[in-house]
Amino acid sequence: MEVLKSELTTHDSLELAEALAAKLVIAPNDWHRMKGNRKAQASQQLSAALVFLLNDNPKAALTHLQQATGWLDKSLSAPRCPDHNR
């Protein structure tokens, strides 16, 4: 594990974090199906937090981390569908 850790650069870490965030993002066409999935919502927010942290934006990282925490501790729930607000 030490060899792998020493071979990863900050750039590599950012690329990995971005790939993870892209994999975990909830697509607009999946929003209704996934809106109440706390694990999916928290995962999306945590991966975004990591990307912001690696991009030296701790304020945005903290915001996403707090969102993830809210999904996990059930203090957050999905907002209404944007299409239904018309």
PDB file of N, CA and C in Angstrom:
ATOM      1  N   MET A   1       0.825  -1.191   0.000  1.00  0.00           N
ATOM      2  CA  MET A   1       0.000   0.000   0.000  1.00  0.00           C
ATOM      3  C   MET A   1       0.868   1.252   0.000  1.00  0.00           C
ATOM      4  N   GLU A   2       2.018   1.206   0.661  1.00  0.00           N
ATOM      5  CA  GLU A   2       2.912   2.366   0.712  1.00  0.00           C
ATOM      6  C   GLU A   2       3.411   2.740  -0.682  1.00  0.00           C
ATOM      7  N   VAL A   3       3.707   1.749  -1.511  1.00  0.00           N
ATOM      8  CA  VAL A   3       4.175   2.039  -2.866  1.00  0.00           C
ATOM      9  C   VAL A   3       3.088   2.775  -3.632  1.00  0.00           C
ATOM     10  N   LEU A   4       1.871   2.301  -3.557  1.00  0.00           N
ATOM     11  CA  LEU A   4       0.759   2.946  -4.244  1.00  0.00           C
ATOM     12  C   LEU A   4       0.569   4.366  -3.736  1.00  0.00           C
ATOM     13  N   LYS A   5       0.616   4.542  -2.425  1.00  0.00           N
ATOM     14  CA  LYS A   5       0.422   5.865  -1.839  1.00  0.00           C
ATOM     15  C   LYS A   5       1.504   6.834  -2.312  1.00  0.00           C
ATOM     16  N   SER A   6       2.751   6.390  -2.360  1.00  0.00           N
ATOM     17  CA  SER A   6       3.836   7.289  -2.749  1.00  0.00           C
ATOM     18  C   SER A   6       3.807   7.609  -4.241  1.00  0.00           C
ATOM     19  N   GLU A   7       3.204   6.753  -5.030  1.00  0.00           N
ATOM     20  CA  GLU A   7       3.142   6.994  -6.471  1.00  0.00           C
ATOM     21  C   GLU A   7       2.009   7.933  -6.866  1.00  0.00           C
ATOM     22  N   LEU A   8       1.038   8.107  -5.995  1.00  0.00           N
ATOM     23  CA  LEU A   8      -0.075   9.002  -6.300  1.00  0.00           C
ATOM     24  C   LEU A   8       0.329  10.443  -6.045  1.00  0.00           C
ATOM     25  N   THR A   9       0.154  11.268  -7.037  1.00  0.00           N
ATOM     26  CA  THR A   9       0.411  12.690  -6.865  1.00  0.00           C
ATOM     27  C   THR A   9      -0.908  13.384  -6.558  1.00  0.00           C
ATOM     28  N   THR A  10      -0.829  14.647  -6.195  1.00  0.00           N
ATOM     29  CA  THR A  10      -2.042  15.416  -5.955  1.00  0.00           C
ATOM     30  C   THR A  10      -2.902  15.440  -7.209  1.00  0.00           C
ATOM     31  N   HIS A  11      -2.255  15.563  -8.361  1.00  0.00           N
ATOM     32  CA  HIS A  11      -2.980  15.582  -9.638  1.00  0.00           C
ATOM     33  C   HIS A  11      -3.732  14.266  -9.838  1.00  0.00           C
ATOM     34  N   ASP A  12      -3.052  13.143  -9.569  1.00  0.00           N
ATOM     35  CA  ASP A  12      -3.705  11.841  -9.698  1.00  0.00           C
ATOM     36  C   ASP A  12      -4.884  11.729  -8.744  1.00  0.00           C
ATOM     37  N   SER A  13      -4.705  12.214  -7.523  1.00  0.00           N
ATOM     38  CA  SER A  13      -5.778  12.155  -6.529  1.00  0.00           C
ATOM     39  C   SER A  13      -6.990  12.943  -6.995  1.00  0.00           C
ATOM     40  N   LEU A  14      -6.751  14.116  -7.566  1.00  0.00           N
ATOM     41  CA  LEU A  14      -7.849  14.936  -8.070  1.00  0.00           C
ATOM     42  C   LEU A  14      -8.574  14.224  -9.207  1.00  0.00           C
ATOM     43  N   GLU A  15      -7.821  13.630 -10.119  1.00  0.00           N
ATOM     44  CA  GLU A  15      -8.452  12.894 -11.221  1.00  0.00           C
ATOM     45  C   GLU A  15      -9.303  11.740 -10.701  1.00  0.00           C
ATOM     46  N   LEU A  16      -8.796  11.035  -9.710  1.00  0.00           N
ATOM     47  CA  LEU A  16      -9.565   9.936  -9.123  1.00  0.00           C
ATOM     48  C   LEU A  16     -10.829  10.452  -8.439  1.00  0.00           C
ATOM     49  N   ALA A  17     -10.704  11.548  -7.705  1.00  0.00           N
ATOM     50  CA  ALA A  17     -11.861  12.136  -7.024  1.00  0.00           C
ATOM     51  C   ALA A  17     -12.900  12.608  -8.033  1.00  0.00           C
ATOM     52  N   GLU A  18     -12.449  13.230  -9.119  1.00  0.00           N
ATOM     53  CA  GLU A  18     -13.375  13.688 -10.153  1.00  0.00           C
ATOM     54  C   GLU A  18     -14.076  12.512 -10.829  1.00  0.00           C
ATOM     55  N   ALA A  19     -13.335  11.429 -11.060  1.00  0.00           N
ATOM     56  CA  ALA A  19     -13.942  10.241 -11.669  1.00  0.00           C
ATOM     57  C   ALA A  19     -14.986   9.640 -10.732  1.00  0.00           C
ATOM     58  N   LEU A  20     -14.677   9.598  -9.442  1.00  0.00           N
ATOM     59  CA  LEU A  20     -15.634   9.089  -8.464  1.00  0.00           C
ATOM     60  C   LEU A  20     -16.879   9.971  -8.414  1.00  0.00           C
ATOM     61  N   ALA A  21     -16.675  11.283  -8.410  1.00  0.00           N
ATOM     62  CA  ALA A  21     -17.807  12.215  -8.378  1.00  0.00           C
ATOM     63  C   ALA A  21     -18.685  12.040  -9.618  1.00  0.00           C
ATOM     64  N   ALA A  22     -18.055  11.865 -10.772  1.00  0.00           N
ATOM     65  CA  ALA A  22     -18.820  11.662 -12.009  1.00  0.00           C
ATOM     66  C   ALA A  22     -19.623  10.360 -11.946  1.00  0.00           C
ATOM     67  N   LYS A  23     -19.051   9.347 -11.343  1.00  0.00           N
ATOM     68  CA  LYS A  23     -19.729   8.056 -11.218  1.00  0.00           C
ATOM     69  C   LYS A  23     -20.916   8.136 -10.252  1.00  0.00           C
ATOM     70  N   LEU A  24     -20.786   8.946  -9.200  1.00  0.00           N
ATOM     71  CA  LEU A  24     -21.804   8.996  -8.151  1.00  0.00           C
ATOM     72  C   LEU A  24     -22.867  10.070  -8.347  1.00  0.00           C
ATOM     73  N   VAL A  25     -22.694  10.934  -9.340  1.00  0.00           N
ATOM     74  CA  VAL A  25     -23.667  12.004  -9.552  1.00  0.00           C
ATOM     75  C   VAL A  25     -25.028  11.408  -9.928  1.00  0.00           C
ATOM     76  N   ILE A  26     -26.068  12.012  -9.414  1.00  0.00           N
ATOM     77  CA  ILE A  26     -27.426  11.584  -9.756  1.00  0.00           C
ATOM     78  C   ILE A  26     -27.860  12.384 -10.981  1.00  0.00           C
ATOM     79  N   ALA A  27     -28.049  11.681 -12.083  1.00  0.00           N
ATOM     80  CA  ALA A  27     -28.423  12.322 -13.346  1.00  0.00           C
ATOM     81  C   ALA A  27     -29.841  12.877 -13.250  1.00  0.00           C
ATOM     82  N   PRO A  28     -30.119  13.949 -13.998  1.00  0.00           N
ATOM     83  CA  PRO A  28     -31.461  14.544 -13.962  1.00  0.00           C
ATOM     84  C   PRO A  28     -32.583  13.541 -14.242  1.00  0.00           C
ATOM     85  N   ASN A  29     -32.346  12.607 -15.163  1.00  0.00           N
ATOM     86  CA  ASN A  29     -33.402  11.642 -15.480  1.00  0.00           C
ATOM     87  C   ASN A  29     -33.570  10.576 -14.390  1.00  0.00           C
ATOM     88  N   ASP A  30     -32.644  10.521 -13.438  1.00  0.00           N
ATOM     89  CA  ASP A  30     -32.752   9.594 -12.309  1.00  0.00           C
ATOM     90  C   ASP A  30     -33.228  10.285 -11.037  1.00  0.00           C
ATOM     91  N   TRP A  31     -33.458  11.593 -11.106  1.00  0.00           N
ATOM     92  CA  TRP A  31     -33.743  12.367  -9.902  1.00  0.00           C
ATOM     93  C   TRP A  31     -34.950  11.834  -9.134  1.00  0.00           C
ATOM     94  N   HIS A  32     -36.061  11.597  -9.825  1.00  0.00           N
ATOM     95  CA  HIS A  32     -37.267  11.117  -9.137  1.00  0.00           C
ATOM     96  C   HIS A  32     -37.038   9.768  -8.458  1.00  0.00           C
ATOM     97  N   ARG A  33     -36.350   8.896  -9.142  1.00  0.00           N
ATOM     98  CA  ARG A  33     -36.108   7.552  -8.616  1.00  0.00           C
ATOM     99  C   ARG A  33     -35.147   7.577  -7.429  1.00  0.00           C
ATOM    100  N   MET A  34     -34.165   8.479  -7.455  1.00  0.00           N
ATOM    101  CA  MET A  34     -33.101   8.491  -6.449  1.00  0.00           C
ATOM    102  C   MET A  34     -33.251   9.575  -5.389  1.00  0.00           C
ATOM    103  N   LYS A  35     -34.271  10.417  -5.497  1.00  0.00           N
ATOM    104  CA  LYS A  35     -34.355  11.582  -4.612  1.00  0.00           C
ATOM    105  C   LYS A  35     -34.392  11.226  -3.130  1.00  0.00           C
ATOM    106  N   GLY A  36     -34.943  10.092  -2.779  1.00  0.00           N
ATOM    107  CA  GLY A  36     -35.020   9.704  -1.379  1.00  0.00           C
ATOM    108  C   GLY A  36     -33.957   8.703  -0.949  1.00  0.00           C
ATOM    109  N   ASN A  37     -33.045   8.381  -1.845  1.00  0.00           N
ATOM    110  CA  ASN A  37     -32.000   7.408  -1.532  1.00  0.00           C
ATOM    111  C   ASN A  37     -30.877   8.116  -0.774  1.00  0.00           C
ATOM    112  N   ARG A  38     -30.892   7.988   0.533  1.00  0.00           N
ATOM    113  CA  ARG A  38     -29.947   8.720   1.381  1.00  0.00           C
ATOM    114  C   ARG A  38     -28.497   8.346   1.096  1.00  0.00           C
ATOM    115  N   LYS A  39     -28.242   7.076   0.835  1.00  0.00           N
ATOM    116  CA  LYS A  39     -26.874   6.649   0.535  1.00  0.00           C
ATOM    117  C   LYS A  39     -26.385   7.300  -0.759  1.00  0.00           C
ATOM    118  N   ALA A  40     -27.216   7.298  -1.783  1.00  0.00           N
ATOM    119  CA  ALA A  40     -26.834   7.902  -3.063  1.00  0.00           C
ATOM    120  C   ALA A  40     -26.640   9.410  -2.919  1.00  0.00           C
ATOM    121  N   GLN A  41     -27.545  10.061  -2.203  1.00  0.00           N
ATOM    122  CA  GLN A  41     -27.442  11.512  -2.015  1.00  0.00           C
ATOM    123  C   GLN A  41     -26.183  11.863  -1.220  1.00  0.00           C
ATOM    124  N   ALA A  42     -25.930  11.137  -0.133  1.00  0.00           N
ATOM    125  CA  ALA A  42     -24.747  11.405   0.689  1.00  0.00           C
ATOM    126  C   ALA A  42     -23.468  11.113  -0.086  1.00  0.00           C
ATOM    127  N   SER A  43     -23.463  10.041  -0.850  1.00  0.00           N
ATOM    128  CA  SER A  43     -22.281   9.692  -1.649  1.00  0.00           C
ATOM    129  C   SER A  43     -21.963  10.778  -2.664  1.00  0.00           C
ATOM    130  N   GLN A  44     -23.001  11.285  -3.308  1.00  0.00           N
ATOM    131  CA  GLN A  44     -22.817  12.364  -4.276  1.00  0.00           C
ATOM    132  C   GLN A  44     -22.203  13.592  -3.602  1.00  0.00           C
ATOM    133  N   GLN A  45     -22.715  13.952  -2.435  1.00  0.00           N
ATOM    134  CA  GLN A  45     -22.213  15.130  -1.726  1.00  0.00           C
ATOM    135  C   GLN A  45     -20.793  14.912  -1.197  1.00  0.00           C
ATOM    136  N   LEU A  46     -20.506  13.723  -0.686  1.00  0.00           N
ATOM    137  CA  LEU A  46     -19.162  13.438  -0.176  1.00  0.00           C
ATOM    138  C   LEU A  46     -18.116  13.472  -1.283  1.00  0.00           C
ATOM    139  N   SER A  47     -18.449  12.913  -2.431  1.00  0.00           N
ATOM    140  CA  SER A  47     -17.487  12.926  -3.533  1.00  0.00           C
ATOM    141  C   SER A  47     -17.260  14.346  -4.035  1.00  0.00           C
ATOM    142  N   ALA A  48     -18.304  15.154  -4.055  1.00  0.00           N
ATOM    143  CA  ALA A  48     -18.147  16.561  -4.442  1.00  0.00           C
ATOM    144  C   ALA A  48     -17.277  17.292  -3.428  1.00  0.00           C
ATOM    145  N   ALA A  49     -17.469  16.999  -2.147  1.00  0.00           N
ATOM    146  CA  ALA A  49     -16.650  17.628  -1.100  1.00  0.00           C
ATOM    147  C   ALA A  49     -15.180  17.311  -1.304  1.00  0.00           C
ATOM    148  N   LEU A  50     -14.874  16.081  -1.639  1.00  0.00           N
ATOM    149  CA  LEU A  50     -13.484  15.688  -1.866  1.00  0.00           C
ATOM    150  C   LEU A  50     -12.879  16.440  -3.047  1.00  0.00           C
ATOM    151  N   VAL A  51     -13.630  16.589  -4.121  1.00  0.00           N
ATOM    152  CA  VAL A  51     -13.141  17.337  -5.286  1.00  0.00           C
ATOM    153  C   VAL A  51     -12.847  18.786  -4.902  1.00  0.00           C
ATOM    154  N   PHE A  52     -13.761  19.426  -4.184  1.00  0.00           N
ATOM    155  CA  PHE A  52     -13.533  20.808  -3.766  1.00  0.00           C
ATOM    156  C   PHE A  52     -12.337  20.915  -2.829  1.00  0.00           C
ATOM    157  N   LEU A  53     -12.189  19.970  -1.915  1.00  0.00           N
ATOM    158  CA  LEU A  53     -11.060  20.000  -0.990  1.00  0.00           C
ATOM    159  C   LEU A  53      -9.735  19.881  -1.738  1.00  0.00           C
ATOM    160  N   LEU A  54      -9.669  18.970  -2.690  1.00  0.00           N
ATOM    161  CA  LEU A  54      -8.441  18.789  -3.469  1.00  0.00           C
ATOM    162  C   LEU A  54      -8.167  19.964  -4.400  1.00  0.00           C
ATOM    163  N   ASN A  55      -9.186  20.749  -4.691  1.00  0.00           N
ATOM    164  CA  ASN A  55      -9.028  21.966  -5.493  1.00  0.00           C
ATOM    165  C   ASN A  55      -8.813  23.195  -4.612  1.00  0.00           C
ATOM    166  N   ASP A  56      -8.443  22.974  -3.350  1.00  0.00           N
ATOM    167  CA  ASP A  56      -8.154  24.062  -2.401  1.00  0.00           C
ATOM    168  C   ASP A  56      -9.334  25.001  -2.197  1.00  0.00           C
ATOM    169  N   ASN A  57     -10.519  24.437  -2.105  1.00  0.00           N
ATOM    170  CA  ASN A  57     -11.721  25.213  -1.832  1.00  0.00           C
ATOM    171  C   ASN A  57     -12.414  24.609  -0.604  1.00  0.00           C
ATOM    172  N   PRO A  58     -11.822  24.827   0.585  1.00  0.00           N
ATOM    173  CA  PRO A  58     -12.373  24.195   1.783  1.00  0.00           C
ATOM    174  C   PRO A  58     -13.778  24.663   2.147  1.00  0.00           C
ATOM    175  N   LYS A  59     -14.123  25.890   1.809  1.00  0.00           N
ATOM    176  CA  LYS A  59     -15.463  26.387   2.132  1.00  0.00           C
ATOM    177  C   LYS A  59     -16.532  25.585   1.384  1.00  0.00           C
ATOM    178  N   ALA A  60     -16.330  25.381   0.086  1.00  0.00           N
ATOM    179  CA  ALA A  60     -17.278  24.584  -0.699  1.00  0.00           C
ATOM    180  C   ALA A  60     -17.251  23.124  -0.251  1.00  0.00           C
ATOM    181  N   ALA A  61     -16.061  22.629   0.085  1.00  0.00           N
ATOM    182  CA  ALA A  61     -15.952  21.248   0.567  1.00  0.00           C
ATOM    183  C   ALA A  61     -16.773  21.065   1.836  1.00  0.00           C
ATOM    184  N   LEU A  62     -16.687  22.015   2.747  1.00  0.00           N
ATOM    185  CA  LEU A  62     -17.436  21.934   3.996  1.00  0.00           C
ATOM    186  C   LEU A  62     -18.943  21.979   3.750  1.00  0.00           C
ATOM    187  N   THR A  63     -19.369  22.811   2.819  1.00  0.00           N
ATOM    188  CA  THR A  63     -20.794  22.878   2.481  1.00  0.00           C
ATOM    189  C   THR A  63     -21.302  21.517   2.017  1.00  0.00           C
ATOM    190  N   HIS A  64     -20.555  20.872   1.128  1.00  0.00           N
ATOM    191  CA  HIS A  64     -20.967  19.556   0.626  1.00  0.00           C
ATOM    192  C   HIS A  64     -20.872  18.491   1.716  1.00  0.00           C
ATOM    193  N   LEU A  65     -19.881  18.605   2.574  1.00  0.00           N
ATOM    194  CA  LEU A  65     -19.759  17.669   3.692  1.00  0.00           C
ATOM    195  C   LEU A  65     -20.958  17.794   4.632  1.00  0.00           C
ATOM    196  N   GLN A  66     -21.383  19.015   4.886  1.00  0.00           N
ATOM    197  CA  GLN A  66     -22.557  19.239   5.736  1.00  0.00           C
ATOM    198  C   GLN A  66     -23.826  18.693   5.079  1.00  0.00           C
ATOM    199  N   GLN A  67     -23.922  18.836   3.756  1.00  0.00           N
ATOM    200  CA  GLN A  67     -25.065  18.266   3.039  1.00  0.00           C
ATOM    201  C   GLN A  67     -25.070  16.740   3.179  1.00  0.00           C
ATOM    202  N   ALA A  68     -23.901  16.127   3.020  1.00  0.00           N
ATOM    203  CA  ALA A  68     -23.803  14.670   3.164  1.00  0.00           C
ATOM    204  C   ALA A  68     -24.209  14.244   4.569  1.00  0.00           C
ATOM    205  N   THR A  69     -23.748  14.975   5.563  1.00  0.00           N
ATOM    206  CA  THR A  69     -24.104  14.673   6.947  1.00  0.00           C
ATOM    207  C   THR A  69     -25.613  14.774   7.143  1.00  0.00           C
ATOM    208  N   GLY A  70     -26.215  15.785   6.557  1.00  0.00           N
ATOM    209  CA  GLY A  70     -27.662  15.954   6.655  1.00  0.00           C
ATOM    210  C   GLY A  70     -28.431  14.788   6.064  1.00  0.00           C
ATOM    211  N   TRP A  71     -27.943  14.259   4.953  1.00  0.00           N
ATOM    212  CA  TRP A  71     -28.602  13.092   4.364  1.00  0.00           C
ATOM    213  C   TRP A  71     -28.454  11.885   5.275  1.00  0.00           C
ATOM    214  N   LEU A  72     -27.277  11.729   5.868  1.00  0.00           N
ATOM    215  CA  LEU A  72     -27.037  10.558   6.707  1.00  0.00           C
ATOM    216  C   LEU A  72     -27.759  10.625   8.049  1.00  0.00           C
ATOM    217  N   ASP A  73     -27.836  11.814   8.643  1.00  0.00           N
ATOM    218  CA  ASP A  73     -28.513  11.918   9.948  1.00  0.00           C
ATOM    219  C   ASP A  73     -30.008  12.229   9.810  1.00  0.00           C
ATOM    220  N   LYS A  74     -30.479  12.258   8.573  1.00  0.00           N
ATOM    221  CA  LYS A  74     -31.893  12.445   8.231  1.00  0.00           C
ATOM    222  C   LYS A  74     -32.435  13.830   8.573  1.00  0.00           C
ATOM    223  N   SER A  75     -31.532  14.802   8.697  1.00  0.00           N
ATOM    224  CA  SER A  75     -31.998  16.176   8.909  1.00  0.00           C
ATOM    225  C   SER A  75     -32.332  16.852   7.583  1.00  0.00           C
ATOM    226  N   LEU A  76     -31.962  16.229   6.470  1.00  0.00           N
ATOM    227  CA  LEU A  76     -32.297  16.724   5.128  1.00  0.00           C
ATOM    228  C   LEU A  76     -33.209  15.728   4.433  1.00  0.00           C
ATOM    229  N   SER A  77     -34.040  16.251   3.566  1.00  0.00           N
ATOM    230  CA  SER A  77     -34.825  15.396   2.680  1.00  0.00           C
ATOM    231  C   SER A  77     -34.857  16.061   1.314  1.00  0.00           C
ATOM    232  N   ALA A  78     -35.286  15.316   0.338  1.00  0.00           N
ATOM    233  CA  ALA A  78     -35.270  15.812  -1.038  1.00  0.00           C
ATOM    234  C   ALA A  78     -36.223  16.991  -1.203  1.00  0.00           C
ATOM    235  N   PRO A  79     -35.790  18.012  -1.954  1.00  0.00           N
ATOM    236  CA  PRO A  79     -36.693  19.127  -2.253  1.00  0.00           C
ATOM    237  C   PRO A  79     -37.757  18.677  -3.255  1.00  0.00           C
ATOM    238  N   ARG A  80     -38.763  19.498  -3.407  1.00  0.00           N
ATOM    239  CA  ARG A  80     -39.786  19.214  -4.420  1.00  0.00           C
ATOM    240  C   ARG A  80     -39.160  19.217  -5.803  1.00  0.00           C
ATOM    241  N   CYS A  81     -39.758  18.500  -6.683  1.00  0.00           N
ATOM    242  CA  CYS A  81     -39.310  18.451  -8.068  1.00  0.00           C
ATOM    243  C   CYS A  81     -39.403  19.845  -8.679  1.00  0.00           C
ATOM    244  N   PRO A  82     -38.347  20.311  -9.340  1.00  0.00           N
ATOM    245  CA  PRO A  82     -38.391  21.641  -9.962  1.00  0.00           C
ATOM    246  C   PRO A  82     -39.520  21.788 -10.980  1.00  0.00           C
ATOM    247  N   ASP A  83     -39.876  20.696 -11.662  1.00  0.00           N
ATOM    248  CA  ASP A  83     -40.952  20.752 -12.658  1.00  0.00           C
ATOM    249  C   ASP A  83     -42.321  20.945 -12.015  1.00  0.00           C
ATOM    250  N   HIS A  84     -42.467  20.587 -10.752  1.00  0.00           N
ATOM    251  CA  HIS A  84     -43.757  20.711 -10.072  1.00  0.00           C
ATOM    252  C   HIS A  84     -43.949  22.073  -9.421  1.00  0.00           C
ATOM    253  N   ASN A  85     -42.933  22.916  -9.466  1.00  0.00           N
ATOM    254  CA  ASN A  85     -43.023  24.254  -8.870  1.00  0.00           C
ATOM    255  C   ASN A  85     -43.585  25.284  -9.834  1.00  0.00           C
ATOM    256  N   ARG A  86     -43.933  24.875 -11.003  1.00  0.00           N
ATOM    257  CA  ARG A  86     -44.425  25.824 -12.015  1.00  0.00           C
ATOM    258  C   ARG A  86     -45.874  26.118 -11.823  1.00  0.00           C
TER     259      ARG A  86
END
